[in-house]
């Protein structure tokens, strides 16, 4: 088996694992492995292939980390990328004495609480977070 075939198989495996896990950094590593394959196609020795794969892969990981600013993503309960309910509007008709309200949302009754901890009046509210089956809302 050619060196380039080996590199492409490993890069394809890294992409497949990335698709299963959602770890975007693994895609950056796959770019480095592809660089090793390109070096093999150009006739470079194994040492040069390894250096190319390591340099490009680690450079891509570092660049992605810097692009993200090193900030971890928001928790899933309040992250619109994970939970599509975040950012949606609900209508609060009345608040209960315990600080909760019942709203109809997506064809079902949901319990809502205010993000501030205190009822903020009736009307349109924005979903800020979903905790279990409870919507945390904020007055618009």
Protein backbone atom coordinates (compact mmCIF):
# COMPACT_ATOMS: atom_id res chain seq x y z
CA UNK A 1 0.00 0.00 0.00
CA UNK A 2 1.30 3.43 -0.90
CA UNK A 3 2.03 5.94 1.84
CA UNK A 4 -0.56 8.33 0.37
CA UNK A 5 -3.27 5.65 0.52
CA UNK A 6 -2.50 5.08 4.19
CA UNK A 7 -2.75 8.83 4.91
CA UNK A 8 -6.06 9.14 3.02
CA UNK A 9 -7.55 6.17 4.88
CA UNK A 10 -6.55 7.65 8.25
CA UNK A 11 -7.92 11.09 7.22
CA UNK A 12 -11.20 9.49 6.11
CA UNK A 13 -11.43 7.62 9.42
CA UNK A 14 -10.89 10.87 11.32
CA UNK A 15 -13.68 12.56 9.33
CA UNK A 16 -16.01 9.60 9.98
CA UNK A 17 -15.32 9.75 13.73
CA UNK A 18 -15.85 13.52 13.66
CA UNK A 19 -19.26 13.00 12.05
CA UNK A 20 -20.21 10.56 14.81
CA UNK A 21 -18.96 12.70 17.70
CA UNK A 22 -19.40 16.27 16.45
CA UNK A 23 -15.90 17.21 17.57
CA UNK A 24 -14.94 19.92 15.10
CA UNK A 25 -11.32 19.82 16.24
CA UNK A 26 -11.04 16.28 14.83
CA UNK A 27 -11.85 17.74 11.43
CA UNK A 28 -8.85 20.03 11.82
CA UNK A 29 -6.70 16.98 12.58
CA UNK A 30 -8.06 15.35 9.42
CA UNK A 31 -6.83 18.37 7.46
CA UNK A 32 -3.36 17.68 8.84
CA UNK A 33 -3.63 14.01 7.85
CA UNK A 34 -4.64 15.10 4.34
CA UNK A 35 -1.52 17.29 4.26
CA UNK A 36 0.52 14.16 5.01
CA UNK A 37 -1.19 12.45 2.05
CA UNK A 38 -0.37 15.37 -0.24
CA UNK A 39 3.25 15.26 0.90
CA UNK A 40 3.30 11.54 0.07
CA UNK A 41 1.87 12.27 -3.40
CA UNK A 42 4.67 14.79 -3.94
CA UNK A 43 7.23 12.10 -3.18
CA UNK A 44 8.38 13.33 0.22
CA UNK A 45 9.93 10.91 2.68
CA UNK A 46 8.08 9.56 5.70
CA UNK A 47 9.73 12.08 8.04
CA UNK A 48 8.58 14.99 5.86
CA UNK A 49 5.08 13.51 5.65
CA UNK A 50 4.89 13.28 9.44
CA UNK A 51 6.15 16.84 9.88
CA UNK A 52 3.66 18.15 7.30
CA UNK A 53 0.77 16.32 8.96
CA UNK A 54 1.77 17.48 12.43
CA UNK A 55 2.42 21.09 11.43
CA UNK A 56 -0.74 21.55 9.37
CA UNK A 57 -2.95 19.61 11.81
CA UNK A 58 -1.75 21.40 14.92
CA UNK A 59 -1.81 24.73 13.09
CA UNK A 60 -5.43 24.16 12.03
CA UNK A 61 -6.42 23.19 15.59
CA UNK A 62 -4.68 26.29 17.00
CA UNK A 63 -6.26 28.55 14.38
CA UNK A 64 -9.74 27.18 15.08
CA UNK A 65 -9.22 27.61 18.83
CA UNK A 66 -8.14 31.22 18.34
CA UNK A 67 -11.03 31.89 15.96
CA UNK A 68 -13.47 30.71 18.61
CA UNK A 69 -11.71 32.92 21.14
CA UNK A 70 -11.12 29.99 23.47
CA UNK A 71 -14.59 30.54 24.92
CA UNK A 72 -16.58 27.38 25.63
CA UNK A 73 -20.06 27.27 24.08
CA UNK A 74 -23.11 28.23 26.11
CA UNK A 75 -24.76 25.45 28.12
CA UNK A 76 -27.11 23.34 26.01
CA UNK A 77 -30.19 24.53 27.93
CA UNK A 78 -29.67 28.10 26.71
CA UNK A 79 -27.84 27.48 23.43
CA UNK A 80 -29.91 28.11 20.28
CA UNK A 81 -27.59 25.82 18.30
CA UNK A 82 -28.61 22.88 20.51
CA UNK A 83 -32.16 23.77 21.58
CA UNK A 84 -34.33 25.40 18.93
CA UNK A 85 -36.87 26.56 21.53
CA UNK A 86 -34.41 29.19 22.77
CA UNK A 87 -35.32 32.55 21.24
CA UNK A 88 -38.95 31.66 20.49
CA UNK A 89 -41.89 33.77 21.67
CA UNK A 90 -44.66 32.69 24.05
CA UNK A 91 -47.70 34.58 25.34
CA UNK A 92 -48.14 34.67 29.14
CA UNK A 93 -51.78 35.30 30.04
CA UNK A 94 -51.40 35.28 33.85
CA UNK A 95 -48.88 34.37 36.53
CA UNK A 96 -49.64 32.02 39.41
CA UNK A 97 -48.84 33.05 43.02
CA UNK A 98 -45.86 30.64 43.04
CA UNK A 99 -44.18 32.63 40.23
CA UNK A 100 -44.98 30.21 37.41
CA UNK A 101 -47.37 30.42 34.49
CA UNK A 102 -48.86 27.95 32.03
CA UNK A 103 -48.57 28.72 28.32
CA UNK A 104 -49.55 26.89 25.17
CA UNK A 105 -46.45 26.34 23.05
CA UNK A 106 -45.96 23.88 20.18
CA UNK A 107 -49.37 22.35 20.79
CA UNK A 108 -48.80 21.54 24.48
CA UNK A 109 -49.06 23.20 27.87
CA UNK A 110 -45.70 24.29 29.30
CA UNK A 111 -44.76 25.68 32.69
CA UNK A 112 -42.76 28.90 32.48
CA UNK A 113 -40.79 30.85 35.04
CA UNK A 114 -39.25 34.26 34.74
CA UNK A 115 -35.52 34.58 34.11
CA UNK A 116 -35.36 37.27 36.80
CA UNK A 117 -37.19 35.10 39.34
CA UNK A 118 -40.09 37.55 39.57
CA UNK A 119 -43.14 37.59 37.25
CA UNK A 120 -42.66 40.35 34.67
CA UNK A 121 -46.25 40.94 33.62
CA UNK A 122 -48.38 39.42 30.91
CA UNK A 123 -47.89 39.47 27.16
CA UNK A 124 -45.08 38.40 24.87
CA UNK A 125 -42.07 36.71 26.45
CA UNK A 126 -38.90 35.33 24.88
CA UNK A 127 -37.66 31.84 25.79
CA UNK A 128 -34.13 32.21 27.20
CA UNK A 129 -33.55 28.67 28.42
CA UNK A 130 -35.22 25.26 28.64
CA UNK A 131 -34.71 23.35 31.89
CA UNK A 132 -36.34 19.94 31.70
CA UNK A 133 -39.94 20.64 30.70
CA UNK A 134 -39.88 24.22 32.01
CA UNK A 135 -39.32 27.32 29.89
CA UNK A 136 -37.33 30.17 31.41
CA UNK A 137 -38.67 33.37 29.83
CA UNK A 138 -37.93 37.08 29.72
CA UNK A 139 -40.39 39.89 28.96
CA UNK A 140 -40.00 41.37 25.49
